[in-house]
Amino acid sequence: MSKTRNPDRLILFTDAVVAIALTLLILPLVEVVAEYKAEDHTALQVITDHKPEIYSFLLSFAVIGNFWLGHHQVFEHVRAYTSGMMRLNMLWLLFIVILPFPTEIVGSFESSQFTAGFYSGTILALSTSQTALTWMIKGHPEIENPNDPVTSRELTNSFVLTGLTLLAFVLAAFVPGVRFYALLLLLLSPFLMRGIDLVRKRSS
């Protein structure tokens, strides 16, 4: 049996890295203010000339925030972590830290299949690692809190979201004209879960 540890330290470390990633998102916009001031541009021009960067910042802030909330909910079921779980959590953090990079690309270059695919692909990797974490925790005797286990609905919801993200990535990267509109598929997740809940109730 592998050695287990109290999850508090891992959670604090994860929260700190997420906070840094969120901060990195805004830094390019902060730097623009000083540049525009030096070139005698107006404060309004800082906003009007950088709408794509602002939109991509807000989108990525929402993405990271939602994944952090999901990660927090998953870790409410954790009583201890193993070395394997720690490595998988580090993989999740890797994609969190990477996200500011495609965010900057999206804000700086024209929308294309590559930019949309790169961005949605990063989200897919993040979603996949979070689903893998949820799957690892569920039913694991060393990790899962027996008094507060991961529910089947939580695991199903994670798989549904990852499946929608995969579909969004394929559409964004390989279907001309779709691009970032593919990410709207993620809004279907709660509706699909309602349908799944109805099917489960009827079959029980």
Protein backbone atom coordinates (compact mmCIF):
# COMPACT_ATOMS: atom_id res chain seq x y z
CA MET A 1 0.00 0.00 0.00
CA SER A 2 1.39 3.40 -0.98
CA LYS A 3 1.94 6.06 1.60
CA THR A 4 -0.93 8.52 2.03
CA ARG A 5 -0.84 12.12 3.24
CA ASN A 6 -3.19 14.78 4.52
CA PRO A 7 -4.58 16.65 1.48
CA ASP A 8 -4.48 20.14 3.03
CA ARG A 9 -0.97 20.94 1.84
CA LEU A 10 -1.74 19.78 -1.70
CA ILE A 11 -4.93 21.85 -1.76
CA LEU A 12 -3.13 24.99 -0.56
CA PHE A 13 -0.41 24.52 -3.17
CA THR A 14 -3.01 24.00 -5.89
CA ASP A 15 -4.94 27.11 -4.87
CA ALA A 16 -1.73 29.17 -4.94
CA VAL A 17 -0.83 28.01 -8.45
CA VAL A 18 -4.36 28.73 -9.72
CA ALA A 19 -4.17 32.23 -8.21
CA ILE A 20 -0.87 32.85 -10.03
CA ALA A 21 -2.35 31.62 -13.32
CA LEU A 22 -5.31 33.98 -12.92
CA THR A 23 -2.92 36.84 -12.25
CA LEU A 24 -0.86 36.03 -15.35
CA LEU A 25 -3.96 36.46 -17.50
CA ILE A 26 -4.22 40.18 -16.76
CA LEU A 27 -0.51 41.09 -16.94
CA PRO A 28 -0.40 41.67 -20.74
CA LEU A 29 -3.26 44.17 -20.41
CA VAL A 30 -1.54 45.90 -17.50
CA GLU A 31 1.61 46.35 -19.59
CA VAL A 32 -0.41 47.97 -22.37
CA VAL A 33 -1.47 50.81 -20.06
CA ALA A 34 2.12 51.99 -19.55
CA GLU A 35 2.85 51.73 -23.29
CA TYR A 36 -0.20 53.77 -24.25
CA LYS A 37 0.57 56.37 -21.61
CA ALA A 38 4.11 56.78 -22.95
CA GLU A 39 2.74 57.20 -26.49
CA ASP A 40 0.16 59.81 -25.37
CA HIS A 41 -2.85 57.66 -26.21
CA THR A 42 -6.07 58.15 -24.26
CA ALA A 43 -7.32 55.83 -21.53
CA LEU A 44 -10.33 54.99 -23.68
CA GLN A 45 -8.04 53.77 -26.47
CA VAL A 46 -6.56 51.22 -24.10
CA ILE A 47 -9.98 49.62 -23.99
CA THR A 48 -11.18 50.14 -27.56
CA ASP A 49 -7.91 48.99 -29.15
CA HIS A 50 -7.68 45.82 -27.09
CA LYS A 51 -11.17 44.35 -27.10
CA PRO A 52 -10.01 40.89 -28.28
CA GLU A 53 -7.45 40.72 -25.47
CA ILE A 54 -10.07 41.77 -22.92
CA TYR A 55 -12.56 39.20 -24.21
CA SER A 56 -9.99 36.42 -24.14
CA PHE A 57 -8.97 37.43 -20.62
CA LEU A 58 -12.55 37.29 -19.37
CA LEU A 59 -13.15 33.95 -21.09
CA SER A 60 -10.03 32.35 -19.63
CA PHE A 61 -10.74 33.81 -16.19
CA ALA A 62 -14.16 32.14 -16.30
CA VAL A 63 -12.65 28.86 -17.57
CA ILE A 64 -10.01 28.68 -14.86
CA GLY A 65 -12.50 29.79 -12.21
CA ASN A 66 -14.99 27.07 -13.18
CA PHE A 67 -12.33 24.38 -13.26
CA TRP A 68 -11.02 25.51 -9.88
CA LEU A 69 -14.54 25.31 -8.44
CA GLY A 70 -14.90 21.81 -9.87
CA HIS A 71 -11.51 20.82 -8.47
CA HIS A 72 -12.53 22.19 -5.07
CA GLN A 73 -15.75 20.16 -5.09
CA VAL A 74 -13.87 16.99 -6.02
CA PHE A 75 -11.34 17.47 -3.22
CA GLU A 76 -14.13 17.74 -0.68
CA HIS A 77 -14.32 13.94 -1.06
CA VAL A 78 -10.60 13.42 -0.40
CA ARG A 79 -9.27 12.31 2.96
CA ALA A 80 -5.69 11.68 1.84
CA TYR A 81 -3.64 11.71 -1.33
CA THR A 82 -1.19 9.24 -2.82
CA SER A 83 1.89 9.89 -4.93
CA GLY A 84 -0.06 8.91 -8.04
CA MET A 85 -2.79 11.39 -7.26
CA MET A 86 -0.21 14.09 -6.60
CA ARG A 87 1.32 13.52 -10.06
CA LEU A 88 -2.10 13.65 -11.71
CA ASN A 89 -2.89 16.85 -9.83
CA MET A 90 0.39 18.32 -11.08
CA LEU A 91 -0.70 17.48 -14.63
CA TRP A 92 -3.96 19.35 -14.00
CA LEU A 93 -1.93 22.31 -12.73
CA LEU A 94 0.28 22.16 -15.83
CA PHE A 95 -2.69 22.86 -18.08
CA ILE A 96 -3.94 25.59 -15.71
CA VAL A 97 -0.56 27.32 -15.99
CA ILE A 98 -0.41 26.81 -19.77
CA LEU A 99 -3.81 28.42 -20.40
CA PRO A 100 -2.53 32.06 -20.23
CA PHE A 101 -0.33 31.23 -23.25
CA PRO A 102 -3.13 30.34 -25.71
CA THR A 103 -5.15 33.16 -24.13
CA GLU A 104 -2.48 35.64 -25.20
CA ILE A 105 -2.34 34.09 -28.68
CA VAL A 106 -6.12 34.34 -29.05
CA GLY A 107 -6.06 37.99 -27.99
CA SER A 108 -3.13 38.92 -30.23
CA PHE A 109 -3.87 37.08 -33.48
CA GLU A 110 -6.89 36.82 -35.74
CA SER A 111 -9.31 34.00 -35.08
CA SER A 112 -8.43 30.87 -37.04
CA GLN A 113 -8.79 27.11 -36.84
CA PHE A 114 -5.34 26.95 -35.26
CA THR A 115 -5.99 29.53 -32.53
CA ALA A 116 -9.40 28.03 -31.75
CA GLY A 117 -8.00 24.50 -31.82
CA PHE A 118 -5.04 25.40 -29.63
CA TYR A 119 -7.25 27.11 -27.07
CA SER A 120 -9.98 24.46 -27.00
CA GLY A 121 -7.34 21.72 -26.99
CA THR A 122 -5.83 23.16 -23.83
CA ILE A 123 -9.27 23.18 -22.22
CA LEU A 124 -9.77 19.58 -23.35
CA ALA A 125 -6.51 18.53 -21.70
CA LEU A 126 -7.56 20.33 -18.52
CA SER A 127 -10.99 18.73 -18.53
CA THR A 128 -9.55 15.28 -19.19
CA SER A 129 -7.12 15.54 -16.28
CA GLN A 130 -9.90 16.71 -13.96
CA THR A 131 -12.09 13.79 -15.00
CA ALA A 132 -9.16 11.44 -14.42
CA LEU A 133 -8.78 12.88 -10.91
CA THR A 134 -12.47 12.34 -10.19
CA TRP A 135 -12.28 8.78 -11.52
CA MET A 136 -9.18 8.07 -9.43
CA ILE A 137 -10.83 9.31 -6.24
CA LYS A 138 -14.15 7.48 -6.65
CA GLY A 139 -14.06 4.18 -4.80
CA HIS A 140 -10.36 4.44 -3.92
CA PRO A 141 -9.98 3.10 -0.36
CA GLU A 142 -6.89 5.20 0.40
CA ILE A 143 -8.08 8.48 -1.09
CA GLU A 144 -11.85 8.75 -0.86
CA ASN A 145 -13.60 9.86 2.30
CA PRO A 146 -16.04 6.99 3.09
CA ASN A 147 -18.37 9.45 4.81
CA ASP A 148 -18.51 11.72 1.76
CA PRO A 149 -17.83 9.65 -1.40
CA VAL A 150 -17.83 10.86 -4.99
CA THR A 151 -21.31 10.30 -6.38
CA SER A 152 -22.00 8.58 -9.68
CA ARG A 153 -23.66 11.79 -10.85
CA GLU A 154 -20.50 13.81 -10.21
CA LEU A 155 -18.40 11.36 -12.19
CA THR A 156 -20.96 11.25 -15.00
CA ASN A 157 -21.08 15.05 -15.13
CA SER A 158 -17.31 15.15 -15.44
CA PHE A 159 -17.37 12.68 -18.33
CA VAL A 160 -20.17 14.60 -20.06
CA LEU A 161 -18.26 17.88 -19.83
CA THR A 162 -15.08 16.26 -21.16
CA GLY A 163 -17.03 14.65 -24.00
CA LEU A 164 -18.52 18.01 -24.98
CA THR A 165 -15.07 19.61 -24.78
CA LEU A 166 -13.69 16.91 -27.08
CA LEU A 167 -16.47 17.58 -29.59
CA ALA A 168 -15.84 21.34 -29.31
CA PHE A 169 -12.13 20.81 -29.98
CA VAL A 170 -12.78 18.69 -33.07
CA LEU A 171 -15.22 21.25 -34.48
CA ALA A 172 -13.01 24.24 -33.64
CA ALA A 173 -9.82 22.74 -35.03
CA PHE A 174 -11.04 20.86 -38.07
CA VAL A 175 -14.32 22.37 -39.30
CA PRO A 176 -13.86 25.65 -41.20
CA GLY A 177 -15.86 28.58 -39.89
CA VAL A 178 -16.81 27.09 -36.52
CA ARG A 179 -13.79 28.20 -34.48
CA PHE A 180 -14.68 29.52 -31.02
CA TYR A 181 -18.42 29.04 -31.52
CA ALA A 182 -17.72 25.38 -30.78
CA LEU A 183 -17.16 26.24 -27.13
CA LEU A 184 -20.87 27.05 -26.84
CA LEU A 185 -21.38 23.28 -26.73
CA LEU A 186 -20.17 23.36 -23.13
CA LEU A 187 -23.37 25.16 -22.20
CA LEU A 188 -25.26 21.95 -23.00
CA SER A 189 -23.74 20.11 -20.04
CA PRO A 190 -26.48 20.92 -17.46
CA PHE A 191 -29.24 20.04 -19.95
CA LEU A 192 -27.64 16.70 -20.76
CA MET A 193 -27.29 15.94 -17.07
CA ARG A 194 -30.98 16.65 -16.54
CA GLY A 195 -31.78 14.19 -19.28
CA ILE A 196 -29.50 11.59 -17.73
CA ASP A 197 -31.12 12.15 -14.33
CA LEU A 198 -34.58 11.59 -15.84
CA VAL A 199 -33.47 8.36 -17.49
CA ARG A 200 -32.00 7.11 -14.20
CA LYS A 201 -35.17 7.95 -12.29
CA ARG A 202 -37.36 6.11 -14.80
CA SER A 203 -35.11 3.05 -14.78
CA SER A 204 -34.92 2.88 -10.97
